[in-house]
Structures are given as structure tokens and as C-alpha cells.
Amino acid sequence: MKSLDEIRAEIDSIDKELIALFMRRMDCSRAVAEYKKANNIPILNTDREDEILNSVEQKGGEYGEYARELYKKIMELSRDLQGEVISNKQ
């Protein structure tokens, strides 16, 4: 069995990767916002979000419900960023 310190070190390593991936995802969200702004497309696309949430929940296995909740928050943050970009706040 791993020690608590070893487990926490592993979590810290995973968190470092997650932050880098989150930043990449938000960069993509910014690019999506710029495209939507240029093409007069609304920020919210419920069909797309539902598709992603269902996929994430399925892929999450025993943690599917938690994965779905995580992605709900990620998509909420993405919409917030897109709103800022579209309204020229950033």
C-alpha cells in the first residue's frame, strides 16, 4: 500500500497535468468565441453540451456521474469566457 505522502504526490502530479490541459481547453474556448463572434453564432449550443455530457458520463465508468458534474462546470466556465470575449471584455 502506498503511503499518504506518495498518494498526495501523485495527486499533485495529476493536478499539474490537469491545469495545463484546462488552460489549453480555455484557449480553444477563446478561439471558439472569436469564431462565433465573427459568424454571429450564439454562445450556448445545448445539443453540443448534452452530447459531451452524455459521452463523458459514459466514459467515466463508475465515476461517470462525477465526470458529468465536472464537465458541467468546465462548460459553464467556457461559456463565461466566451461571453467576455464576445462582449470585448478580454
PDB file of N, CA and C in Angstrom:
ATOM      1  N   MET A   1       0.842  -1.178   0.000  1.00  0.00           N
ATOM      2  CA  MET A   1       0.000   0.000   0.000  1.00  0.00           C
ATOM      3  C   MET A   1       0.890   1.245   0.000  1.00  0.00           C
ATOM      4  N   LYS A   2       0.488   2.240  -0.813  1.00  0.00           N
ATOM      5  CA  LYS A   2       1.232   3.492  -0.870  1.00  0.00           C
ATOM      6  C   LYS A   2       1.002   4.298   0.401  1.00  0.00           C
ATOM      7  N   SER A   3       1.985   5.098   0.731  1.00  0.00           N
ATOM      8  CA  SER A   3       1.822   5.992   1.879  1.00  0.00           C
ATOM      9  C   SER A   3       0.962   7.183   1.454  1.00  0.00           C
ATOM     10  N   LEU A   4       0.441   7.886   2.426  1.00  0.00           N
ATOM     11  CA  LEU A   4      -0.367   9.068   2.159  1.00  0.00           C
ATOM     12  C   LEU A   4       0.451  10.106   1.386  1.00  0.00           C
ATOM     13  N   ASP A   5       1.703  10.265   1.758  1.00  0.00           N
ATOM     14  CA  ASP A   5       2.563  11.219   1.051  1.00  0.00           C
ATOM     15  C   ASP A   5       2.750  10.830  -0.411  1.00  0.00           C
ATOM     16  N   GLU A   6       2.891   9.547  -0.685  1.00  0.00           N
ATOM     17  CA  GLU A   6       3.046   9.088  -2.066  1.00  0.00           C
ATOM     18  C   GLU A   6       1.774   9.343  -2.872  1.00  0.00           C
ATOM     19  N   ILE A   7       0.645   9.080  -2.255  1.00  0.00           N
ATOM     20  CA  ILE A   7      -0.640   9.311  -2.936  1.00  0.00           C
ATOM     21  C   ILE A   7      -0.822  10.802  -3.213  1.00  0.00           C
ATOM     22  N   ARG A   8      -0.502  11.627  -2.237  1.00  0.00           N
ATOM     23  CA  ARG A   8      -0.626  13.080  -2.420  1.00  0.00           C
ATOM     24  C   ARG A   8       0.330  13.588  -3.490  1.00  0.00           C
ATOM     25  N   ALA A   9       1.511  13.031  -3.560  1.00  0.00           N
ATOM     26  CA  ALA A   9       2.470  13.415  -4.606  1.00  0.00           C
ATOM     27  C   ALA A   9       1.906  13.064  -5.984  1.00  0.00           C
ATOM     28  N   GLU A  10       1.272  11.915  -6.065  1.00  0.00           N
ATOM     29  CA  GLU A  10       0.650  11.516  -7.331  1.00  0.00           C
ATOM     30  C   GLU A  10      -0.482  12.470  -7.699  1.00  0.00           C
ATOM     31  N   ILE A  11      -1.289  12.836  -6.720  1.00  0.00           N
ATOM     32  CA  ILE A  11      -2.371  13.802  -6.962  1.00  0.00           C
ATOM     33  C   ILE A  11      -1.798  15.133  -7.427  1.00  0.00           C
ATOM     34  N   ASP A  12      -0.727  15.594  -6.797  1.00  0.00           N
ATOM     35  CA  ASP A  12      -0.092  16.854  -7.207  1.00  0.00           C
ATOM     36  C   ASP A  12       0.384  16.782  -8.655  1.00  0.00           C
ATOM     37  N   SER A  13       0.930  15.662  -9.042  1.00  0.00           N
ATOM     38  CA  SER A  13       1.394  15.476 -10.414  1.00  0.00           C
ATOM     39  C   SER A  13       0.216  15.504 -11.394  1.00  0.00           C
ATOM     40  N   ILE A  14      -0.840  14.819 -11.046  1.00  0.00           N
ATOM     41  CA  ILE A  14      -2.050  14.807 -11.887  1.00  0.00           C
ATOM     42  C   ILE A  14      -2.622  16.211 -11.994  1.00  0.00           C
ATOM     43  N   ASP A  15      -2.669  16.938 -10.869  1.00  0.00           N
ATOM     44  CA  ASP A  15      -3.210  18.296 -10.883  1.00  0.00           C
ATOM     45  C   ASP A  15      -2.413  19.203 -11.805  1.00  0.00           C
ATOM     46  N   LYS A  16      -1.117  19.027 -11.828  1.00  0.00           N
ATOM     47  CA  LYS A  16      -0.266  19.819 -12.720  1.00  0.00           C
ATOM     48  C   LYS A  16      -0.662  19.571 -14.179  1.00  0.00           C
ATOM     49  N   GLU A  17      -0.899  18.323 -14.520  1.00  0.00           N
ATOM     50  CA  GLU A  17      -1.331  17.983 -15.873  1.00  0.00           C
ATOM     51  C   GLU A  17      -2.718  18.543 -16.163  1.00  0.00           C
ATOM     52  N   LEU A  18      -3.612  18.432 -15.180  1.00  0.00           N
ATOM     53  CA  LEU A  18      -4.975  18.929 -15.372  1.00  0.00           C
ATOM     54  C   LEU A  18      -5.007  20.426 -15.627  1.00  0.00           C
ATOM     55  N   ILE A  19      -4.196  21.178 -14.894  1.00  0.00           N
ATOM     56  CA  ILE A  19      -4.152  22.631 -15.084  1.00  0.00           C
ATOM     57  C   ILE A  19      -3.677  22.966 -16.494  1.00  0.00           C
ATOM     58  N   ALA A  20      -2.645  22.287 -16.949  1.00  0.00           N
ATOM     59  CA  ALA A  20      -2.138  22.531 -18.305  1.00  0.00           C
ATOM     60  C   ALA A  20      -3.211  22.215 -19.349  1.00  0.00           C
ATOM     61  N   LEU A  21      -3.916  21.116 -19.166  1.00  0.00           N
ATOM     62  CA  LEU A  21      -4.983  20.746 -20.096  1.00  0.00           C
ATOM     63  C   LEU A  21      -6.153  21.726 -20.020  1.00  0.00           C
ATOM     64  N   PHE A  22      -6.483  22.177 -18.818  1.00  0.00           N
ATOM     65  CA  PHE A  22      -7.554  23.160 -18.649  1.00  0.00           C
ATOM     66  C   PHE A  22      -7.207  24.454 -19.397  1.00  0.00           C
ATOM     67  N   MET A  23      -5.973  24.881 -19.278  1.00  0.00           N
ATOM     68  CA  MET A  23      -5.556  26.101 -19.964  1.00  0.00           C
ATOM     69  C   MET A  23      -5.648  25.931 -21.489  1.00  0.00           C
ATOM     70  N   ARG A  24      -5.256  24.784 -21.985  1.00  0.00           N
ATOM     71  CA  ARG A  24      -5.387  24.511 -23.423  1.00  0.00           C
ATOM     72  C   ARG A  24      -6.843  24.533 -23.843  1.00  0.00           C
ATOM     73  N   ARG A  25      -7.695  23.948 -23.012  1.00  0.00           N
ATOM     74  CA  ARG A  25      -9.127  23.916 -23.333  1.00  0.00           C
ATOM     75  C   ARG A  25      -9.707  25.322 -23.359  1.00  0.00           C
ATOM     76  N   MET A  26      -9.311  26.145 -22.404  1.00  0.00           N
ATOM     77  CA  MET A  26      -9.817  27.518 -22.363  1.00  0.00           C
ATOM     78  C   MET A  26      -9.286  28.319 -23.558  1.00  0.00           C
ATOM     79  N   ASP A  27      -8.063  28.051 -23.997  1.00  0.00           N
ATOM     80  CA  ASP A  27      -7.552  28.689 -25.216  1.00  0.00           C
ATOM     81  C   ASP A  27      -8.438  28.328 -26.409  1.00  0.00           C
ATOM     82  N   CYS A  28      -8.847  27.077 -26.471  1.00  0.00           N
ATOM     83  CA  CYS A  28      -9.753  26.644 -27.539  1.00  0.00           C
ATOM     84  C   CYS A  28     -11.108  27.328 -27.401  1.00  0.00           C
ATOM     85  N   SER A  29     -11.579  27.484 -26.180  1.00  0.00           N
ATOM     86  CA  SER A  29     -12.853  28.175 -25.954  1.00  0.00           C
ATOM     87  C   SER A  29     -12.785  29.618 -26.427  1.00  0.00           C
ATOM     88  N   ARG A  30     -11.642  30.247 -26.204  1.00  0.00           N
ATOM     89  CA  ARG A  30     -11.443  31.621 -26.684  1.00  0.00           C
ATOM     90  C   ARG A  30     -11.513  31.651 -28.221  1.00  0.00           C
ATOM     91  N   ALA A  31     -10.874  30.674 -28.861  1.00  0.00           N
ATOM     92  CA  ALA A  31     -10.908  30.603 -30.328  1.00  0.00           C
ATOM     93  C   ALA A  31     -12.328  30.357 -30.829  1.00  0.00           C
ATOM     94  N   VAL A  32     -13.073  29.516 -30.135  1.00  0.00           N
ATOM     95  CA  VAL A  32     -14.473  29.265 -30.491  1.00  0.00           C
ATOM     96  C   VAL A  32     -15.266  30.564 -30.383  1.00  0.00           C
ATOM     97  N   ALA A  33     -15.033  31.320 -29.320  1.00  0.00           N
ATOM     98  CA  ALA A  33     -15.745  32.588 -29.122  1.00  0.00           C
ATOM     99  C   ALA A  33     -15.445  33.564 -30.256  1.00  0.00           C
ATOM    100  N   GLU A  34     -14.200  33.630 -30.660  1.00  0.00           N
ATOM    101  CA  GLU A  34     -13.836  34.529 -31.752  1.00  0.00           C
ATOM    102  C   GLU A  34     -14.529  34.111 -33.049  1.00  0.00           C
ATOM    103  N   TYR A  35     -14.601  32.811 -33.282  1.00  0.00           N
ATOM    104  CA  TYR A  35     -15.307  32.302 -34.467  1.00  0.00           C
ATOM    105  C   TYR A  35     -16.797  32.633 -34.375  1.00  0.00           C
ATOM    106  N   LYS A  36     -17.388  32.366 -33.207  1.00  0.00           N
ATOM    107  CA  LYS A  36     -18.819  32.641 -33.027  1.00  0.00           C
ATOM    108  C   LYS A  36     -19.113  34.125 -33.193  1.00  0.00           C
ATOM    109  N   LYS A  37     -18.249  34.963 -32.671  1.00  0.00           N
ATOM    110  CA  LYS A  37     -18.443  36.413 -32.799  1.00  0.00           C
ATOM    111  C   LYS A  37     -18.397  36.825 -34.263  1.00  0.00           C
ATOM    112  N   ALA A  38     -17.404  36.336 -34.988  1.00  0.00           N
ATOM    113  CA  ALA A  38     -17.243  36.686 -36.404  1.00  0.00           C
ATOM    114  C   ALA A  38     -18.392  36.179 -37.261  1.00  0.00           C
ATOM    115  N   ASN A  39     -19.033  35.091 -36.826  1.00  0.00           N
ATOM    116  CA  ASN A  39     -20.097  34.469 -37.618  1.00  0.00           C
ATOM    117  C   ASN A  39     -21.476  34.623 -37.004  1.00  0.00           C
ATOM    118  N   ASN A  40     -21.565  35.486 -35.983  1.00  0.00           N
ATOM    119  CA  ASN A  40     -22.847  35.780 -35.324  1.00  0.00           C
ATOM    120  C   ASN A  40     -23.572  34.504 -34.872  1.00  0.00           C
ATOM    121  N   ILE A  41     -22.844  33.640 -34.177  1.00  0.00           N
ATOM    122  CA  ILE A  41     -23.386  32.376 -33.668  1.00  0.00           C
ATOM    123  C   ILE A  41     -23.544  32.515 -32.161  1.00  0.00           C
ATOM    124  N   PRO A  42     -24.681  32.073 -31.600  1.00  0.00           N
ATOM    125  CA  PRO A  42     -24.871  32.190 -30.144  1.00  0.00           C
ATOM    126  C   PRO A  42     -23.869  31.329 -29.370  1.00  0.00           C
ATOM    127  N   ILE A  43     -23.592  31.751 -28.158  1.00  0.00           N
ATOM    128  CA  ILE A  43     -22.643  31.033 -27.303  1.00  0.00           C
ATOM    129  C   ILE A  43     -23.156  29.647 -26.948  1.00  0.00           C
ATOM    130  N   LEU A  44     -24.373  29.571 -26.471  1.00  0.00           N
ATOM    131  CA  LEU A  44     -24.913  28.304 -25.965  1.00  0.00           C
ATOM    132  C   LEU A  44     -25.409  27.415 -27.092  1.00  0.00           C
ATOM    133  N   ASN A  45     -24.934  26.177 -27.086  1.00  0.00           N
ATOM    134  CA  ASN A  45     -25.391  25.141 -28.008  1.00  0.00           C
ATOM    135  C   ASN A  45     -25.738  23.927 -27.139  1.00  0.00           C
ATOM    136  N   THR A  46     -26.985  23.859 -26.712  1.00  0.00           N
ATOM    137  CA  THR A  46     -27.385  22.815 -25.762  1.00  0.00           C
ATOM    138  C   THR A  46     -27.228  21.411 -26.336  1.00  0.00           C
ATOM    139  N   ASP A  47     -27.460  21.256 -27.628  1.00  0.00           N
ATOM    140  CA  ASP A  47     -27.296  19.922 -28.231  1.00  0.00           C
ATOM    141  C   ASP A  47     -25.850  19.453 -28.096  1.00  0.00           C
ATOM    142  N   ARG A  48     -24.910  20.351 -28.381  1.00  0.00           N
ATOM    143  CA  ARG A  48     -23.483  20.008 -28.273  1.00  0.00           C
ATOM    144  C   ARG A  48     -23.114  19.694 -26.828  1.00  0.00           C
ATOM    145  N   GLU A  49     -23.591  20.515 -25.890  1.00  0.00           N
ATOM    146  CA  GLU A  49     -23.276  20.278 -24.478  1.00  0.00           C
ATOM    147  C   GLU A  49     -23.856  18.962 -23.996  1.00  0.00           C
ATOM    148  N   ASP A  50     -25.092  18.673 -24.357  1.00  0.00           N
ATOM    149  CA  ASP A  50     -25.704  17.407 -23.953  1.00  0.00           C
ATOM    150  C   ASP A  50     -24.933  16.213 -24.507  1.00  0.00           C
ATOM    151  N   GLU A  51     -24.490  16.342 -25.753  1.00  0.00           N
ATOM    152  CA  GLU A  51     -23.703  15.273 -26.382  1.00  0.00           C
ATOM    153  C   GLU A  51     -22.407  15.026 -25.598  1.00  0.00           C
ATOM    154  N   ILE A  52     -21.733  16.098 -25.224  1.00  0.00           N
ATOM    155  CA  ILE A  52     -20.484  15.977 -24.470  1.00  0.00           C
ATOM    156  C   ILE A  52     -20.748  15.390 -23.090  1.00  0.00           C
ATOM    157  N   LEU A  53     -21.766  15.887 -22.400  1.00  0.00           N
ATOM    158  CA  LEU A  53     -22.059  15.404 -21.049  1.00  0.00           C
ATOM    159  C   LEU A  53     -22.415  13.927 -21.042  1.00  0.00           C
ATOM    160  N   ASN A  54     -23.205  13.505 -21.999  1.00  0.00           N
ATOM    161  CA  ASN A  54     -23.578  12.090 -22.077  1.00  0.00           C
ATOM    162  C   ASN A  54     -22.353  11.222 -22.362  1.00  0.00           C
ATOM    163  N   SER A  55     -21.493  11.689 -23.244  1.00  0.00           N
ATOM    164  CA  SER A  55     -20.288  10.946 -23.586  1.00  0.00           C
ATOM    165  C   SER A  55     -19.352  10.840 -22.386  1.00  0.00           C
ATOM    166  N   VAL A  56     -19.160  11.952 -21.705  1.00  0.00           N
ATOM    167  CA  VAL A  56     -18.273  11.972 -20.540  1.00  0.00           C
ATOM    168  C   VAL A  56     -18.794  11.050 -19.443  1.00  0.00           C
ATOM    169  N   GLU A  57     -20.091  11.087 -19.224  1.00  0.00           N
ATOM    170  CA  GLU A  57     -20.670  10.230 -18.182  1.00  0.00           C
ATOM    171  C   GLU A  57     -20.466   8.759 -18.531  1.00  0.00           C
ATOM    172  N   GLN A  58     -20.649   8.418 -19.775  1.00  0.00           N
ATOM    173  CA  GLN A  58     -20.453   7.030 -20.200  1.00  0.00           C
ATOM    174  C   GLN A  58     -18.987   6.619 -20.061  1.00  0.00           C
ATOM    175  N   LYS A  59     -18.080   7.477 -20.502  1.00  0.00           N
ATOM    176  CA  LYS A  59     -16.653   7.166 -20.448  1.00  0.00           C
ATOM    177  C   LYS A  59     -16.121   7.152 -19.023  1.00  0.00           C
ATOM    178  N   GLY A  60     -16.809   7.829 -18.116  1.00  0.00           N
ATOM    179  CA  GLY A  60     -16.349   7.938 -16.734  1.00  0.00           C
ATOM    180  C   GLY A  60     -16.549   6.687 -15.901  1.00  0.00           C
ATOM    181  N   GLY A  61     -17.192   5.676 -16.463  1.00  0.00           N
ATOM    182  CA  GLY A  61     -17.383   4.426 -15.729  1.00  0.00           C
ATOM    183  C   GLY A  61     -18.026   4.648 -14.370  1.00  0.00           C
ATOM    184  N   GLU A  62     -17.421   4.088 -13.340  1.00  0.00           N
ATOM    185  CA  GLU A  62     -18.000   4.204 -12.001  1.00  0.00           C
ATOM    186  C   GLU A  62     -18.014   5.649 -11.501  1.00  0.00           C
ATOM    187  N   TYR A  63     -17.229   6.518 -12.137  1.00  0.00           N
ATOM    188  CA  TYR A  63     -17.186   7.930 -11.761  1.00  0.00           C
ATOM    189  C   TYR A  63     -17.939   8.806 -12.756  1.00  0.00           C
ATOM    190  N   GLY A  64     -18.762   8.196 -13.588  1.00  0.00           N
ATOM    191  CA  GLY A  64     -19.462   8.915 -14.646  1.00  0.00           C
ATOM    192  C   GLY A  64     -20.274  10.100 -14.162  1.00  0.00           C
ATOM    193  N   GLU A  65     -20.995   9.916 -13.083  1.00  0.00           N
ATOM    194  CA  GLU A  65     -21.817  11.000 -12.529  1.00  0.00           C
ATOM    195  C   GLU A  65     -20.932  12.182 -12.112  1.00  0.00           C
ATOM    196  N   TYR A  66     -19.784  11.874 -11.523  1.00  0.00           N
ATOM    197  CA  TYR A  66     -18.857  12.924 -11.092  1.00  0.00           C
ATOM    198  C   TYR A  66     -18.217  13.615 -12.302  1.00  0.00           C
ATOM    199  N   ALA A  67     -17.893  12.818 -13.308  1.00  0.00           N
ATOM    200  CA  ALA A  67     -17.311  13.378 -14.532  1.00  0.00           C
ATOM    201  C   ALA A  67     -18.298  14.328 -15.199  1.00  0.00           C
ATOM    202  N   ARG A  68     -19.549  13.946 -15.204  1.00  0.00           N
ATOM    203  CA  ARG A  68     -20.597  14.805 -15.780  1.00  0.00           C
ATOM    204  C   ARG A  68     -20.662  16.140 -15.046  1.00  0.00           C
ATOM    205  N   GLU A  69     -20.623  16.099 -13.727  1.00  0.00           N
ATOM    206  CA  GLU A  69     -20.674  17.339 -12.939  1.00  0.00           C
ATOM    207  C   GLU A  69     -19.438  18.204 -13.183  1.00  0.00           C
ATOM    208  N   LEU A  70     -18.278  17.565 -13.280  1.00  0.00           N
ATOM    209  CA  LEU A  70     -17.050  18.299 -13.569  1.00  0.00           C
ATOM    210  C   LEU A  70     -17.171  19.025 -14.908  1.00  0.00           C
ATOM    211  N   TYR A  71     -17.642  18.330 -15.916  1.00  0.00           N
ATOM    212  CA  TYR A  71     -17.747  18.926 -17.238  1.00  0.00           C
ATOM    213  C   TYR A  71     -18.831  19.994 -17.308  1.00  0.00           C
ATOM    214  N   LYS A  72     -19.880  19.860 -16.525  1.00  0.00           N
ATOM    215  CA  LYS A  72     -20.870  20.939 -16.453  1.00  0.00           C
ATOM    216  C   LYS A  72     -20.194  22.233 -16.021  1.00  0.00           C
ATOM    217  N   LYS A  73     -19.344  22.147 -15.017  1.00  0.00           N
ATOM    218  CA  LYS A  73     -18.643  23.329 -14.522  1.00  0.00           C
ATOM    219  C   LYS A  73     -17.635  23.839 -15.548  1.00  0.00           C
ATOM    220  N   ILE A  74     -16.904  22.943 -16.169  1.00  0.00           N
ATOM    221  CA  ILE A  74     -15.942  23.357 -17.192  1.00  0.00           C
ATOM    222  C   ILE A  74     -16.655  24.087 -18.325  1.00  0.00           C
ATOM    223  N   MET A  75     -17.787  23.565 -18.754  1.00  0.00           N
ATOM    224  CA  MET A  75     -18.526  24.205 -19.845  1.00  0.00           C
ATOM    225  C   MET A  75     -19.124  25.541 -19.404  1.00  0.00           C
ATOM    226  N   GLU A  76     -19.532  25.637 -18.162  1.00  0.00           N
ATOM    227  CA  GLU A  76     -20.020  26.910 -17.633  1.00  0.00           C
ATOM    228  C   GLU A  76     -18.898  27.961 -17.689  1.00  0.00           C
ATOM    229  N   LEU A  77     -17.704  27.577 -17.273  1.00  0.00           N
ATOM    230  CA  LEU A  77     -16.563  28.495 -17.314  1.00  0.00           C
ATOM    231  C   LEU A  77     -16.214  28.865 -18.751  1.00  0.00           C
ATOM    232  N   SER A  78     -16.312  27.911 -19.639  1.00  0.00           N
ATOM    233  CA  SER A  78     -16.049  28.161 -21.053  1.00  0.00           C
ATOM    234  C   SER A  78     -17.050  29.170 -21.618  1.00  0.00           C
ATOM    235  N   ARG A  79     -18.329  29.001 -21.288  1.00  0.00           N
ATOM    236  CA  ARG A  79     -19.351  29.964 -21.737  1.00  0.00           C
ATOM    237  C   ARG A  79     -19.088  31.349 -21.163  1.00  0.00           C
ATOM    238  N   ASP A  80     -18.673  31.408 -19.902  1.00  0.00           N
ATOM    239  CA  ASP A  80     -18.349  32.697 -19.290  1.00  0.00           C
ATOM    240  C   ASP A  80     -17.226  33.385 -20.057  1.00  0.00           C
ATOM    241  N   LEU A  81     -16.167  32.647 -20.364  1.00  0.00           N
ATOM    242  CA  LEU A  81     -15.052  33.203 -21.123  1.00  0.00           C
ATOM    243  C   LEU A  81     -15.522  33.656 -22.503  1.00  0.00           C
ATOM    244  N   GLN A  82     -16.316  32.830 -23.168  1.00  0.00           N
ATOM    245  CA  GLN A  82     -16.819  33.199 -24.492  1.00  0.00           C
ATOM    246  C   GLN A  82     -17.638  34.483 -24.427  1.00  0.00           C
ATOM    247  N   GLY A  83     -18.449  34.608 -23.389  1.00  0.00           N
ATOM    248  CA  GLY A  83     -19.236  35.828 -23.223  1.00  0.00           C
ATOM    249  C   GLY A  83     -18.347  37.050 -23.071  1.00  0.00           C
ATOM    250  N   GLU A  84     -17.272  36.902 -22.317  1.00  0.00           N
ATOM    251  CA  GLU A  84     -16.334  38.012 -22.145  1.00  0.00           C
ATOM    252  C   GLU A  84     -15.650  38.365 -23.466  1.00  0.00           C
ATOM    253  N   VAL A  85     -15.251  37.349 -24.203  1.00  0.00           N
ATOM    254  CA  VAL A  85     -14.581  37.599 -25.483  1.00  0.00           C
ATOM    255  C   VAL A  85     -15.543  38.277 -26.463  1.00  0.00           C
ATOM    256  N   ILE A  86     -16.750  37.766 -26.529  1.00  0.00           N
ATOM    257  CA  ILE A  86     -17.731  38.315 -27.472  1.00  0.00           C
ATOM    258  C   ILE A  86     -18.116  39.751 -27.116  1.00  0.00           C
ATOM    259  N   SER A  87     -18.162  40.047 -25.821  1.00  0.00           N
ATOM    260  CA  SER A  87     -18.513  41.409 -25.409  1.00  0.00           C
ATOM    261  C   SER A  87     -17.290  42.313 -25.328  1.00  0.00           C
ATOM    262  N   ASN A  88     -16.135  41.806 -25.790  1.00  0.00           N
ATOM    263  CA  ASN A  88     -14.879  42.560 -25.843  1.00  0.00           C
ATOM    264  C   ASN A  88     -14.304  42.924 -24.479  1.00  0.00           C
ATOM    265  N   LYS A  89     -14.622  42.168 -23.448  1.00  0.00           N
ATOM    266  CA  LYS A  89     -14.057  42.421 -22.138  1.00  0.00           C
ATOM    267  C   LYS A  89     -12.624  41.901 -22.060  1.00  0.00           C
ATOM    268  N   GLN A  90     -12.249  41.029 -22.987  1.00  0.00           N
ATOM    269  CA  GLN A  90     -10.878  40.491 -22.987  1.00  0.00           C
ATOM    270  C   GLN A  90     -10.262  40.680 -24.333  1.00  0.00           C
TER     271      GLN A  90
END
